C-alpha atoms as a PDB file:
ATOM      1  CA  MET A   1     -43.687  -9.266  39.759  1.00  0.00           C
ATOM      2  CA  ASP A   2     -46.265  -7.650  41.877  1.00  0.00           C
ATOM      3  CA  LYS A   3     -48.431  -4.709  40.703  1.00  0.00           C
ATOM      4  CA  TYR A   4     -48.287  -1.736  43.035  1.00  0.00           C
ATOM      5  CA  ILE A   5     -51.189   1.366  43.036  1.00  0.00           C
ATOM      6  CA  ILE A   6     -50.452   4.916  43.820  1.00  0.00           C
ATOM      7  CA  THR A   7     -53.164   7.457  43.896  1.00  0.00           C
ATOM      8  CA  TYR A   8     -52.319  11.141  45.146  1.00  0.00           C
ATOM      9  CA  SER A   9     -56.414  12.411  45.288  1.00  0.00           C
ATOM     10  CA  ASP A  10     -54.769  16.230  44.051  1.00  0.00           C
ATOM     11  CA  ALA A  11     -53.309  16.132  40.716  1.00  0.00           C
ATOM     12  CA  LYS A  12     -52.521  20.147  40.513  1.00  0.00           C
ATOM     13  CA  GLU A  13     -51.018  19.984  43.997  1.00  0.00           C
ATOM     14  CA  TRP A  14     -48.858  17.116  42.635  1.00  0.00           C
ATOM     15  CA  THR A  15     -47.890  18.885  39.786  1.00  0.00           C
ATOM     16  CA  TYR A  16     -47.011  21.996  42.375  1.00  0.00           C
ATOM     17  CA  ILE A  17     -44.747  19.476  44.184  1.00  0.00           C
ATOM     18  CA  ILE A  18     -42.756  18.188  41.076  1.00  0.00           C
ATOM     19  CA  ASP A  19     -42.363  21.715  40.066  1.00  0.00           C
ATOM     20  CA  ALA A  20     -40.514  22.455  43.460  1.00  0.00           C
ATOM     21  CA  ILE A  21     -38.299  19.228  42.909  1.00  0.00           C
ATOM     22  CA  ALA A  22     -37.137  20.214  39.533  1.00  0.00           C
ATOM     23  CA  VAL A  23     -35.896  23.624  40.595  1.00  0.00           C
ATOM     24  CA  ILE A  24     -33.044  21.402  41.817  1.00  0.00           C
ATOM     25  CA  VAL A  25     -33.150  18.563  39.901  1.00  0.00           C
ATOM     26  CA  GLU A  26     -33.405  17.201  36.558  1.00  0.00           C
ATOM     27  CA  GLU A  27     -33.692  13.250  37.466  1.00  0.00           C
ATOM     28  CA  ALA A  28     -33.917  11.343  40.664  1.00  0.00           C
ATOM     29  CA  GLY A  29     -35.803   8.616  42.461  1.00  0.00           C
ATOM     30  CA  LEU A  30     -39.316   8.999  44.362  1.00  0.00           C
ATOM     31  CA  VAL A  31     -38.591   6.140  46.701  1.00  0.00           C
ATOM     32  CA  PHE A  32     -41.540   4.569  48.006  1.00  0.00           C
ATOM     33  CA  ARG A  33     -41.250   3.122  51.564  1.00  0.00           C
ATOM     34  CA  GLN A  34     -43.731   1.274  54.476  1.00  0.00           C
ATOM     35  CA  ASP A  35     -43.973   4.838  55.866  1.00  0.00           C
ATOM     36  CA  GLY A  36     -44.737   6.863  53.029  1.00  0.00           C
ATOM     37  CA  MET A  37     -42.687   8.490  49.904  1.00  0.00           C
ATOM     38  CA  ALA A  38     -39.850  10.224  49.971  1.00  0.00           C
ATOM     39  CA  LEU A  39     -36.872  11.806  47.577  1.00  0.00           C
ATOM     40  CA  ARG A  40     -33.480  13.215  48.608  1.00  0.00           C
ATOM     41  CA  SER A  41     -31.388  14.579  46.048  1.00  0.00           C
ATOM     42  CA  LEU A  42     -28.508  17.410  45.059  1.00  0.00           C
ATOM     43  CA  ASP A  43     -28.281  19.629  42.372  1.00  0.00           C
ATOM     44  CA  PRO A  44     -25.808  19.117  39.761  1.00  0.00           C
ATOM     45  CA  SER A  45     -23.231  21.702  41.116  1.00  0.00           C
ATOM     46  CA  ARG A  46     -24.137  20.001  44.753  1.00  0.00           C
ATOM     47  CA  THR A  47     -24.702  23.413  46.174  1.00  0.00           C
ATOM     48  CA  ALA A  48     -28.184  22.520  47.194  1.00  0.00           C
ATOM     49  CA  MET A  49     -30.693  19.806  48.363  1.00  0.00           C
ATOM     50  CA  VAL A  50     -33.907  19.174  47.957  1.00  0.00           C
ATOM     51  CA  ASP A  51     -35.606  16.751  50.743  1.00  0.00           C
ATOM     52  CA  LEU A  52     -39.583  15.592  50.234  1.00  0.00           C
ATOM     53  CA  PHE A  53     -41.314  13.204  52.535  1.00  0.00           C
ATOM     54  CA  ILE A  54     -44.979  12.570  52.187  1.00  0.00           C
ATOM     55  CA  PRO A  55     -46.478  10.043  54.802  1.00  0.00           C
ATOM     56  CA  LYS A  56     -48.562   7.127  53.423  1.00  0.00           C
ATOM     57  CA  GLU A  57     -51.706   8.833  54.761  1.00  0.00           C
ATOM     58  CA  GLY A  58     -51.292  11.746  52.575  1.00  0.00           C
ATOM     59  CA  PHE A  59     -52.420   9.371  49.754  1.00  0.00           C
ATOM     60  CA  GLU A  60     -55.441   7.853  48.620  1.00  0.00           C
ATOM     61  CA  GLU A  61     -54.274   4.994  47.702  1.00  0.00           C
ATOM     62  CA  TYR A  62     -51.112   3.109  48.876  1.00  0.00           C
ATOM     63  CA  PRO A  63     -49.573  -0.391  48.831  1.00  0.00           C
ATOM     64  CA  GLU A  64     -48.666  -2.207  51.608  1.00  0.00           C
ATOM     65  CA  LEU A  65     -44.859  -2.583  51.010  1.00  0.00           C
ATOM     66  CA  GLN A  66     -42.715  -5.513  52.493  1.00  0.00           C
ATOM     67  CA  SER A  67     -39.327  -3.404  50.651  1.00  0.00           C
ATOM     68  CA  GLU A  68     -38.388  -0.471  48.933  1.00  0.00           C
ATOM     69  CA  LEU A  69     -39.770   0.743  45.617  1.00  0.00           C
ATOM     70  CA  ARG A  70     -37.935   3.419  43.686  1.00  0.00           C
ATOM     71  CA  ILE A  71     -39.082   5.228  40.576  1.00  0.00           C
ATOM     72  CA  GLY A  72     -36.834   6.763  38.635  1.00  0.00           C
ATOM     73  CA  LEU A  73     -38.180  10.145  36.935  1.00  0.00           C
ATOM     74  CA  ASN A  74     -37.049  12.530  34.670  1.00  0.00           C
ATOM     75  CA  PHE A  75     -38.746  15.615  35.922  1.00  0.00           C
ATOM     76  CA  LYS A  76     -39.022  17.921  33.427  1.00  0.00           C
ATOM     77  CA  ASP A  77     -40.269  15.495  30.684  1.00  0.00           C
ATOM     78  CA  PHE A  78     -42.988  14.099  33.005  1.00  0.00           C
ATOM     79  CA  LYS A  79     -43.798  18.086  33.975  1.00  0.00           C
ATOM     80  CA  LYS A  80     -45.074  17.793  30.480  1.00  0.00           C
ATOM     81  CA  LEU A  81     -47.719  15.172  31.204  1.00  0.00           C
ATOM     82  CA  LEU A  82     -49.107  17.256  33.762  1.00  0.00           C
ATOM     83  CA  ARG A  83     -49.559  20.501  31.813  1.00  0.00           C
ATOM     84  CA  ARG A  84     -52.889  20.071  31.449  1.00  0.00           C
ATOM     85  CA  LEU A  85     -54.457  18.787  34.532  1.00  0.00           C
ATOM     86  CA  LYS A  86     -57.252  20.759  36.371  1.00  0.00           C
ATOM     87  CA  LYS A  87     -58.358  21.368  39.737  1.00  0.00           C
ATOM     88  CA  GLY A  88     -60.397  18.522  41.134  1.00  0.00           C
ATOM     89  CA  ASP A  89     -58.604  15.551  38.553  1.00  0.00           C
ATOM     90  CA  LYS A  90     -56.312  12.629  40.411  1.00  0.00           C
ATOM     91  CA  ILE A  91     -52.727  10.790  39.650  1.00  0.00           C
ATOM     92  CA  SER A  92     -52.638   7.213  40.123  1.00  0.00           C
ATOM     93  CA  PHE A  93     -49.056   5.451  39.631  1.00  0.00           C
ATOM     94  CA  GLU A  94     -48.994   1.967  38.534  1.00  0.00           C
ATOM     95  CA  VAL A  95     -45.887   0.456  39.020  1.00  0.00           C
ATOM     96  CA  GLU A  96     -45.473  -3.662  37.217  1.00  0.00           C
ATOM     97  CA  GLU A  97     -42.665  -5.554  35.251  1.00  0.00           C
ATOM     98  CA  SER A  98     -40.363  -2.689  35.354  1.00  0.00           C
ATOM     99  CA  LYS A  99     -42.659  -0.226  33.680  1.00  0.00           C
ATOM    100  CA  LEU A 100     -44.530   2.814  34.868  1.00  0.00           C
ATOM    101  CA  ARG A 101     -48.351   3.530  34.040  1.00  0.00           C
ATOM    102  CA  VAL A 102     -49.387   7.192  35.171  1.00  0.00           C
ATOM    103  CA  LYS A 103     -52.811   7.614  34.860  1.00  0.00           C
ATOM    104  CA  LEU A 104     -54.379  11.158  34.944  1.00  0.00           C
ATOM    105  CA  ILE A 105     -57.799  10.962  36.351  1.00  0.00           C
ATOM    106  CA  GLY A 106     -60.494  13.419  35.384  1.00  0.00           C
ATOM    107  CA  LYS A 107     -63.695  13.580  33.167  1.00  0.00           C
ATOM    108  CA  SER A 108     -61.733  11.085  31.536  1.00  0.00           C
ATOM    109  CA  THR A 109     -58.487   9.046  32.389  1.00  0.00           C
ATOM    110  CA  ARG A 110     -55.780   9.140  30.271  1.00  0.00           C
ATOM    111  CA  SER A 111     -52.977   6.560  30.544  1.00  0.00           C
ATOM    112  CA  ILE A 112     -49.198   7.065  29.920  1.00  0.00           C
ATOM    113  CA  THR A 113     -46.816   4.267  30.161  1.00  0.00           C
ATOM    114  CA  LEU A 114     -43.041   5.111  30.696  1.00  0.00           C
ATOM    115  CA  PRO A 115     -39.724   2.585  31.061  1.00  0.00           C
ATOM    116  CA  TYR A 116     -38.157   2.884  34.238  1.00  0.00           C
ATOM    117  CA  LEU A 117     -35.228   5.488  34.498  1.00  0.00           C
ATOM    118  CA  GLU A 118     -32.081   4.175  36.397  1.00  0.00           C
ATOM    119  CA  THR A 119     -30.866   6.757  39.005  1.00  0.00           C
ATOM    120  CA  PRO A 120     -28.278   6.305  41.357  1.00  0.00           C
ATOM    121  CA  ALA A 121     -29.752   5.322  45.001  1.00  0.00           C
ATOM    122  CA  GLU A 122     -27.426   7.543  46.493  1.00  0.00           C
ATOM    123  CA  GLU A 123     -27.448   7.661  50.264  1.00  0.00           C
ATOM    124  CA  LEU A 124     -27.239  11.762  51.545  1.00  0.00           C
ATOM    125  CA  PRO A 125     -27.594  12.206  54.731  1.00  0.00           C
ATOM    126  CA  THR A 126     -29.291  15.238  56.256  1.00  0.00           C
ATOM    127  CA  PRO A 127     -26.730  18.262  56.488  1.00  0.00           C
ATOM    128  CA  LYS A 128     -25.154  18.477  59.893  1.00  0.00           C
ATOM    129  CA  VAL A 129     -25.641  21.895  60.687  1.00  0.00           C
ATOM    130  CA  VAL A 130     -26.363  23.380  64.233  1.00  0.00           C
ATOM    131  CA  TYR A 131     -28.783  26.284  63.306  1.00  0.00           C
ATOM    132  CA  THR A 132     -28.797  28.968  66.106  1.00  0.00           C
ATOM    133  CA  ALA A 133     -32.073  30.886  64.555  1.00  0.00           C
ATOM    134  CA  MET A 134     -35.396  29.734  63.357  1.00  0.00           C
ATOM    135  CA  VAL A 135     -38.134  32.091  61.796  1.00  0.00           C
ATOM    136  CA  LYS A 136     -41.343  30.584  60.435  1.00  0.00           C
ATOM    137  CA  THR A 137     -43.387  32.457  58.809  1.00  0.00           C
ATOM    138  CA  ALA A 138     -46.041  33.313  55.612  1.00  0.00           C
ATOM    139  CA  SER A 139     -44.188  31.288  52.806  1.00  0.00           C
ATOM    140  CA  ASP A 140     -45.700  33.997  50.312  1.00  0.00           C
ATOM    141  CA  VAL A 141     -43.903  36.653  52.356  1.00  0.00           C
ATOM    142  CA  LEU A 142     -40.449  34.987  51.861  1.00  0.00           C
ATOM    143  CA  ASP A 143     -41.525  34.399  48.178  1.00  0.00           C
ATOM    144  CA  GLN A 144     -41.939  38.465  47.322  1.00  0.00           C
ATOM    145  CA  ALA A 145     -39.097  39.299  49.298  1.00  0.00           C
ATOM    146  CA  MET A 146     -36.751  37.109  47.108  1.00  0.00           C
ATOM    147  CA  LYS A 147     -38.785  38.204  43.985  1.00  0.00           C
ATOM    148  CA  ASP A 148     -37.832  41.917  45.023  1.00  0.00           C
ATOM    149  CA  ALA A 149     -34.115  41.366  45.958  1.00  0.00           C
ATOM    150  CA  ASP A 150     -33.995  39.624  42.599  1.00  0.00           C
ATOM    151  CA  ALA A 151     -34.855  42.903  41.335  1.00  0.00           C
ATOM    152  CA  VAL A 152     -31.728  44.623  42.967  1.00  0.00           C
ATOM    153  CA  ALA A 153     -28.938  42.043  43.269  1.00  0.00           C
ATOM    154  CA  ASP A 154     -27.460  38.476  42.466  1.00  0.00           C
ATOM    155  CA  THR A 155     -27.440  37.395  45.919  1.00  0.00           C
ATOM    156  CA  VAL A 156     -29.468  37.793  49.230  1.00  0.00           C
ATOM    157  CA  LYS A 157     -28.282  38.541  52.651  1.00  0.00           C
ATOM    158  CA  PHE A 158     -30.087  36.943  56.010  1.00  0.00           C
ATOM    159  CA  ASP A 159     -29.410  38.703  59.187  1.00  0.00           C
ATOM    160  CA  VAL A 160     -31.494  37.682  62.546  1.00  0.00           C
ATOM    161  CA  ASP A 161     -31.143  39.036  65.941  1.00  0.00           C
ATOM    162  CA  GLU A 162     -33.187  38.619  68.984  1.00  0.00           C
ATOM    163  CA  GLU A 163     -35.663  41.018  67.772  1.00  0.00           C
ATOM    164  CA  ALA A 164     -36.327  40.689  63.743  1.00  0.00           C
ATOM    165  CA  LEU A 165     -34.994  38.645  60.406  1.00  0.00           C
ATOM    166  CA  TYR A 166     -33.752  41.259  57.955  1.00  0.00           C
ATOM    167  CA  ILE A 167     -33.453  40.085  54.685  1.00  0.00           C
ATOM    168  CA  ARG A 168     -31.529  42.804  52.302  1.00  0.00           C
ATOM    169  CA  ALA A 169     -29.915  42.786  48.686  1.00  0.00           C
ATOM    170  CA  SER A 170     -28.187  45.721  46.984  1.00  0.00           C
ATOM    171  CA  SER A 171     -26.048  46.427  44.347  1.00  0.00           C
ATOM    172  CA  ASP A 172     -25.738  49.582  41.569  1.00  0.00           C
ATOM    173  CA  ARG A 173     -29.406  48.850  40.246  1.00  0.00           C
ATOM    174  CA  GLY A 174     -30.775  49.715  44.248  1.00  0.00           C
ATOM    175  CA  GLU A 175     -31.191  48.361  47.616  1.00  0.00           C
ATOM    176  CA  VAL A 176     -33.850  46.152  48.817  1.00  0.00           C
ATOM    177  CA  GLU A 177     -34.527  45.829  53.047  1.00  0.00           C
ATOM    178  CA  VAL A 178     -37.373  43.039  54.525  1.00  0.00           C
ATOM    179  CA  LYS A 179     -38.074  43.204  57.916  1.00  0.00           C
ATOM    180  CA  LEU A 180     -39.845  40.543  59.871  1.00  0.00           C
ATOM    181  CA  ASP A 181     -40.626  41.630  63.153  1.00  0.00           C
ATOM    182  CA  LYS A 182     -40.145  39.017  66.125  1.00  0.00           C
ATOM    183  CA  GLY A 183     -44.393  38.972  67.415  1.00  0.00           C
ATOM    184  CA  GLY A 184     -45.243  40.473  63.756  1.00  0.00           C
ATOM    185  CA  GLU A 185     -48.453  39.312  62.647  1.00  0.00           C
ATOM    186  CA  LEU A 186     -46.983  36.887  59.985  1.00  0.00           C
ATOM    187  CA  VAL A 187     -44.388  35.534  62.451  1.00  0.00           C
ATOM    188  CA  TYR A 188     -45.394  32.434  63.524  1.00  0.00           C
ATOM    189  CA  GLU A 189     -42.319  30.826  65.705  1.00  0.00           C
ATOM    190  CA  PHE A 190     -38.866  33.150  66.343  1.00  0.00           C
ATOM    191  CA  ASP A 191     -36.629  31.246  68.547  1.00  0.00           C
ATOM    192  CA  VAL A 192     -32.760  33.286  68.360  1.00  0.00           C
ATOM    193  CA  LYS A 193     -30.459  31.399  70.396  1.00  0.00           C
ATOM    194  CA  GLU A 194     -27.481  33.482  68.851  1.00  0.00           C
ATOM    195  CA  PRO A 195     -27.443  36.071  66.344  1.00  0.00           C
ATOM    196  CA  ALA A 196     -26.560  34.778  62.733  1.00  0.00           C
ATOM    197  CA  SER A 197     -25.576  36.119  59.346  1.00  0.00           C
ATOM    198  CA  ALA A 198     -25.251  34.381  55.901  1.00  0.00           C
ATOM    199  CA  SER A 199     -25.684  35.254  52.259  1.00  0.00           C
ATOM    200  CA  PHE A 200     -26.854  33.242  49.131  1.00  0.00           C
ATOM    201  CA  THR A 201     -26.701  33.301  45.518  1.00  0.00           C
ATOM    202  CA  LEU A 202     -30.465  34.322  44.359  1.00  0.00           C
ATOM    203  CA  GLU A 203     -30.614  31.968  41.337  1.00  0.00           C
ATOM    204  CA  TYR A 204     -32.048  28.955  43.603  1.00  0.00           C
ATOM    205  CA  LEU A 205     -33.785  30.874  46.124  1.00  0.00           C
ATOM    206  CA  VAL A 206     -36.146  32.682  43.507  1.00  0.00           C
ATOM    207  CA  ASP A 207     -37.397  29.657  42.078  1.00  0.00           C
ATOM    208  CA  ILE A 208     -37.983  27.395  45.431  1.00  0.00           C
ATOM    209  CA  THR A 209     -39.704  29.741  47.447  1.00  0.00           C
ATOM    210  CA  GLY A 210     -41.888  30.564  43.877  1.00  0.00           C
ATOM    211  CA  LYS A 211     -42.952  27.229  43.486  1.00  0.00           C
ATOM    212  CA  ALA A 212     -43.049  25.610  47.003  1.00  0.00           C
ATOM    213  CA  SER A 213     -44.693  28.608  47.989  1.00  0.00           C
ATOM    214  CA  LYS A 214     -47.708  27.003  46.083  1.00  0.00           C
ATOM    215  CA  VAL A 215     -47.687  23.689  47.542  1.00  0.00           C
ATOM    216  CA  SER A 216     -47.420  25.152  51.124  1.00  0.00           C
ATOM    217  CA  ASP A 217     -48.730  28.441  53.592  1.00  0.00           C
ATOM    218  CA  ILE A 218     -45.857  28.106  55.875  1.00  0.00           C
ATOM    219  CA  VAL A 219     -42.275  28.355  55.589  1.00  0.00           C
ATOM    220  CA  THR A 220     -39.821  27.516  58.650  1.00  0.00           C
ATOM    221  CA  ILE A 221     -36.386  29.253  57.634  1.00  0.00           C
ATOM    222  CA  GLU A 222     -33.564  28.121  59.807  1.00  0.00           C
ATOM    223  CA  LEU A 223     -30.216  29.677  59.537  1.00  0.00           C
ATOM    224  CA  ALA A 224     -26.533  29.787  61.280  1.00  0.00           C
ATOM    225  CA  THR A 225     -23.370  32.398  60.590  1.00  0.00           C
ATOM    226  CA  ALA A 226     -22.056  31.286  57.226  1.00  0.00           C
ATOM    227  CA  LYS A 227     -23.752  28.465  57.129  1.00  0.00           C
ATOM    228  CA  PRO A 228     -26.440  26.798  54.767  1.00  0.00           C
ATOM    229  CA  ILE A 229     -29.982  28.121  54.994  1.00  0.00           C
ATOM    230  CA  SER A 230     -32.739  25.599  55.660  1.00  0.00           C
ATOM    231  CA  LEU A 231     -36.426  26.484  54.442  1.00  0.00           C
ATOM    232  CA  THR A 232     -38.509  23.909  55.039  1.00  0.00           C
ATOM    233  CA  PHE A 233     -42.230  24.068  53.567  1.00  0.00           C
ATOM    234  CA  ASP A 234     -45.462  21.960  55.571  1.00  0.00           C
ATOM    235  CA  ILE A 235     -47.484  20.282  53.013  1.00  0.00           C
ATOM    236  CA  PRO A 236     -50.908  17.760  53.875  1.00  0.00           C
ATOM    237  CA  ALA A 237     -51.361  15.280  56.023  1.00  0.00           C
ATOM    238  CA  GLY A 238     -47.790  15.826  57.865  1.00  0.00           C
ATOM    239  CA  GLY A 239     -45.386  16.353  55.038  1.00  0.00           C
ATOM    240  CA  LYS A 240     -42.628  18.118  54.302  1.00  0.00           C
ATOM    241  CA  LEU A 241     -40.416  19.754  51.474  1.00  0.00           C
ATOM    242  CA  ALA A 242     -37.200  21.251  52.381  1.00  0.00           C
ATOM    243  CA  TYR A 243     -34.231  22.849  51.147  1.00  0.00           C
ATOM    244  CA  TYR A 244     -30.716  23.201  51.821  1.00  0.00           C
ATOM    245  CA  VAL A 245     -29.182  25.666  50.053  1.00  0.00           C
ATOM    246  CA  ALA A 246     -24.934  26.856  50.682  1.00  0.00           C
ATOM    247  CA  PRO A 247     -23.982  30.345  51.354  1.00  0.00           C
ATOM    248  CA  HIS A 248     -22.671  32.250  48.982  1.00  0.00           C
ATOM    249  CA  ILE A 249     -18.480  32.980  49.899  1.00  0.00           C
ATOM    250  CA  GLU A 250     -17.146  36.546  48.498  1.00  0.00           C
ATOM    251  CA  GLN A 251     -14.520  35.976  46.409  1.00  0.00           C
ATOM    252  CA  ALA A 252     -11.391  37.674  48.019  1.00  0.00           C
END
């Protein structure tokens, strides 16, 4: 079997990416294609999806591939290997004979060999949602809004009109409203074809924004009334980390 070597130059950044994936899934396959690395997977309840792509240009070392190379990982276990990484370290994958060797390269080189994890190659299409509103803002602004909402409620409501995006949460514990005005200092793009409104359980959103904001400074929020929310975080070298979360439906 051929030997493949894939190296990512910033192991700390890689740790943040793995943390952001692990919010949604415990096990999944990293798929290395000719154009770069991809991962698309649903959470166990099938209410949230993570969609990651890093072009091959984002890697320090990337092999010439004639066919897809799939590496199955348990992200909970994999995160344990990454705990002591420091800024400036690199991470390298060596794939050969159904084994994965992970090298953590810093002042010393640590090498860990793992067996292949079989993960189902499920073909998941991109959700077919016609979004009517898009707001691009600072990822830490959205993260703080989710933390504020989580302090008072279990669900959060997004409302957007031609002038602003409102993020609201309320319960007997209190009320929160965050307003992002069109043309505001931290609103980089604002495009509303028609107003939209949808509510979401905070369980995933708090973790998603908390982890993904460490990878990316910018998030694109896409909304349509009573449809899944799309959150896309730009990552280096033209990569993206996207999430789709189904809306919360109030019980009658």
